[in-house]
C-alpha atoms as a PDB file:
ATOM      1  CA  MET A   1     139.514 129.780 149.399  1.00  0.00           C
ATOM      2  CA  GLU A   2     138.369 126.124 148.956  1.00  0.00           C
ATOM      3  CA  SER A   3     135.335 125.225 147.070  1.00  0.00           C
ATOM      4  CA  ASP A   4     134.145 122.112 144.924  1.00  0.00           C
ATOM      5  CA  TYR A   5     133.033 124.863 142.587  1.00  0.00           C
ATOM      6  CA  ASN A   6     134.522 124.502 139.242  1.00  0.00           C
ATOM      7  CA  LYS A   7     133.497 126.190 136.017  1.00  0.00           C
ATOM      8  CA  PRO A   8     134.619 129.802 135.380  1.00  0.00           C
ATOM      9  CA  VAL A   9     134.406 132.882 138.215  1.00  0.00           C
ATOM     10  CA  ASN A  10     135.391 135.917 136.839  1.00  0.00           C
ATOM     11  CA  ILE A  11     136.954 137.434 139.172  1.00  0.00           C
ATOM     12  CA  GLY A  12     138.759 141.580 138.894  1.00  0.00           C
ATOM     13  CA  SER A  13     136.427 145.024 139.253  1.00  0.00           C
ATOM     14  CA  ASP A  14     132.720 145.049 138.998  1.00  0.00           C
ATOM     15  CA  ARG A  15     133.260 149.553 138.399  1.00  0.00           C
ATOM     16  CA  LEU A  16     132.017 149.434 134.567  1.00  0.00           C
ATOM     17  CA  VAL A  17     134.882 151.485 133.071  1.00  0.00           C
ATOM     18  CA  THR A  18     134.970 152.788 129.507  1.00  0.00           C
ATOM     19  CA  ILE A  19     138.378 151.804 127.459  1.00  0.00           C
ATOM     20  CA  ASP A  20     138.476 155.266 127.616  1.00  0.00           C
ATOM     21  CA  GLU A  21     138.635 155.831 131.303  1.00  0.00           C
ATOM     22  CA  LEU A  22     141.399 152.934 131.494  1.00  0.00           C
ATOM     23  CA  ALA A  23     142.992 154.761 129.028  1.00  0.00           C
ATOM     24  CA  ASP A  24     143.206 158.327 131.162  1.00  0.00           C
ATOM     25  CA  ILE A  25     143.899 155.649 134.617  1.00  0.00           C
ATOM     26  CA  ILE A  26     147.186 154.545 132.435  1.00  0.00           C
ATOM     27  CA  ILE A  27     148.562 157.872 131.143  1.00  0.00           C
ATOM     28  CA  LYS A  28     147.609 159.212 134.290  1.00  0.00           C
ATOM     29  CA  ILE A  29     149.985 156.045 136.526  1.00  0.00           C
ATOM     30  CA  SER A  30     152.658 156.448 133.875  1.00  0.00           C
ATOM     31  CA  GLY A  31     153.022 160.186 133.812  1.00  0.00           C
ATOM     32  CA  LYS A  32     154.208 160.479 130.554  1.00  0.00           C
ATOM     33  CA  ASP A  33     152.035 162.988 128.395  1.00  0.00           C
ATOM     34  CA  ILE A  34     149.873 160.841 125.385  1.00  0.00           C
ATOM     35  CA  LYS A  35     147.539 162.630 124.059  1.00  0.00           C
ATOM     36  CA  LYS A  36     144.473 159.906 122.596  1.00  0.00           C
ATOM     37  CA  LYS A  37     143.703 159.079 119.534  1.00  0.00           C
ATOM     38  CA  HIS A  38     140.753 158.431 117.973  1.00  0.00           C
ATOM     39  CA  ASP A  39     139.720 156.115 115.001  1.00  0.00           C
ATOM     40  CA  LEU A  40     136.678 156.321 114.319  1.00  0.00           C
ATOM     41  CA  ALA A  41     136.699 155.012 110.758  1.00  0.00           C
ATOM     42  CA  ALA A  42     137.783 151.249 112.329  1.00  0.00           C
ATOM     43  CA  PRO A  43     134.864 149.029 113.350  1.00  0.00           C
ATOM     44  CA  GLN A  44     133.390 149.678 116.654  1.00  0.00           C
ATOM     45  CA  GLY A  45     134.457 147.599 119.753  1.00  0.00           C
ATOM     46  CA  VAL A  46     133.711 147.122 123.114  1.00  0.00           C
ATOM     47  CA  ARG A  47     133.541 150.628 124.638  1.00  0.00           C
ATOM     48  CA  GLY A  48     133.921 149.192 128.459  1.00  0.00           C
ATOM     49  CA  ARG A  49     133.897 145.903 130.336  1.00  0.00           C
ATOM     50  CA  THR A  50     132.487 145.209 134.013  1.00  0.00           C
ATOM     51  CA  ALA A  51     133.158 141.881 135.583  1.00  0.00           C
ATOM     52  CA  ASP A  52     129.779 140.096 137.867  1.00  0.00           C
ATOM     53  CA  LEU A  53     131.386 138.833 140.844  1.00  0.00           C
ATOM     54  CA  THR A  54     127.976 137.523 142.014  1.00  0.00           C
ATOM     55  CA  ILE A  55     129.575 133.343 141.573  1.00  0.00           C
ATOM     56  CA  ALA A  56     132.896 134.712 143.657  1.00  0.00           C
ATOM     57  CA  ARG A  57     131.487 136.059 146.229  1.00  0.00           C
ATOM     58  CA  LYS A  58     128.518 133.751 147.115  1.00  0.00           C
ATOM     59  CA  ILE A  59     130.996 130.901 146.054  1.00  0.00           C
ATOM     60  CA  ILE A  60     133.888 131.562 147.177  1.00  0.00           C
ATOM     61  CA  GLY A  61     133.411 134.474 149.191  1.00  0.00           C
ATOM     62  CA  TRP A  62     135.796 136.337 147.182  1.00  0.00           C
ATOM     63  CA  GLU A  63     135.314 140.027 146.575  1.00  0.00           C
ATOM     64  CA  PRO A  64     138.452 142.309 145.304  1.00  0.00           C
ATOM     65  CA  LYS A  65     140.563 144.303 147.867  1.00  0.00           C
ATOM     66  CA  VAL A  66     142.637 146.746 145.548  1.00  0.00           C
ATOM     67  CA  SER A  67     141.237 149.677 143.803  1.00  0.00           C
ATOM     68  CA  LEU A  68     141.251 149.229 139.927  1.00  0.00           C
ATOM     69  CA  GLU A  69     143.527 152.533 140.689  1.00  0.00           C
ATOM     70  CA  GLU A  70     145.259 151.373 142.481  1.00  0.00           C
ATOM     71  CA  GLY A  71     146.082 147.377 141.445  1.00  0.00           C
ATOM     72  CA  LEU A  72     147.296 148.583 138.153  1.00  0.00           C
ATOM     73  CA  GLU A  73     149.018 151.225 139.619  1.00  0.00           C
ATOM     74  CA  LYS A  74     151.037 148.366 141.464  1.00  0.00           C
ATOM     75  CA  THR A  75     151.360 146.382 137.414  1.00  0.00           C
ATOM     76  CA  TYR A  76     152.033 148.924 136.002  1.00  0.00           C
ATOM     77  CA  ARG A  77     155.699 150.286 138.743  1.00  0.00           C
ATOM     78  CA  TRP A  78     156.210 146.116 138.641  1.00  0.00           C
ATOM     79  CA  ILE A  79     156.604 146.053 134.436  1.00  0.00           C
ATOM     80  CA  GLU A  80     158.447 149.291 135.033  1.00  0.00           C
ATOM     81  CA  MET A  81     160.652 147.670 136.755  1.00  0.00           C
ATOM     82  CA  LYS A  82     161.035 144.752 135.309  1.00  0.00           C
ATOM     83  CA  VAL A  83     161.356 146.350 131.939  1.00  0.00           C
ATOM     84  CA  ASN A  84     164.875 148.584 133.504  1.00  0.00           C
ATOM     85  CA  GLU A  85     166.242 145.298 135.196  1.00  0.00           C
ATOM     86  CA  ASP A  86     166.540 143.491 130.954  1.00  0.00           C
ATOM     87  CA  ARG A  87     168.204 147.109 130.049  1.00  0.00           C
ATOM     88  CA  LYS A  88     170.840 147.603 132.612  1.00  0.00           C
ATOM     89  CA  THR A  89     170.936 143.487 131.448  1.00  0.00           C
ATOM     90  CA  GLN A  90     171.430 144.379 127.852  1.00  0.00           C
ATOM     91  CA  LYS A  91     173.506 147.282 128.518  1.00  0.00           C
ATOM     92  CA  THR A  92     176.403 144.700 130.360  1.00  0.00           C
ATOM     93  CA  LEU A  93     176.067 141.779 127.655  1.00  0.00           C
END
């Protein structure tokens, strides 16, 4: 991907995902029994996220090839592996 374009470009998923849905996806991937707790008294922030990939597609010809779920699964497993490696290293010290 070579380009003379020198401004920020959004990359990510162009699928609108609420924060609640994102939490559900991660909970499912983790396989843990996690119950979400909503504090409705707290300030209400961003309800969801999506990336506008117009520039990425038009200028640099990029679009996602991995679904949000697949990317989160791979990321979660990699972090899990690193945490387990650290735990083993700490036990041997």
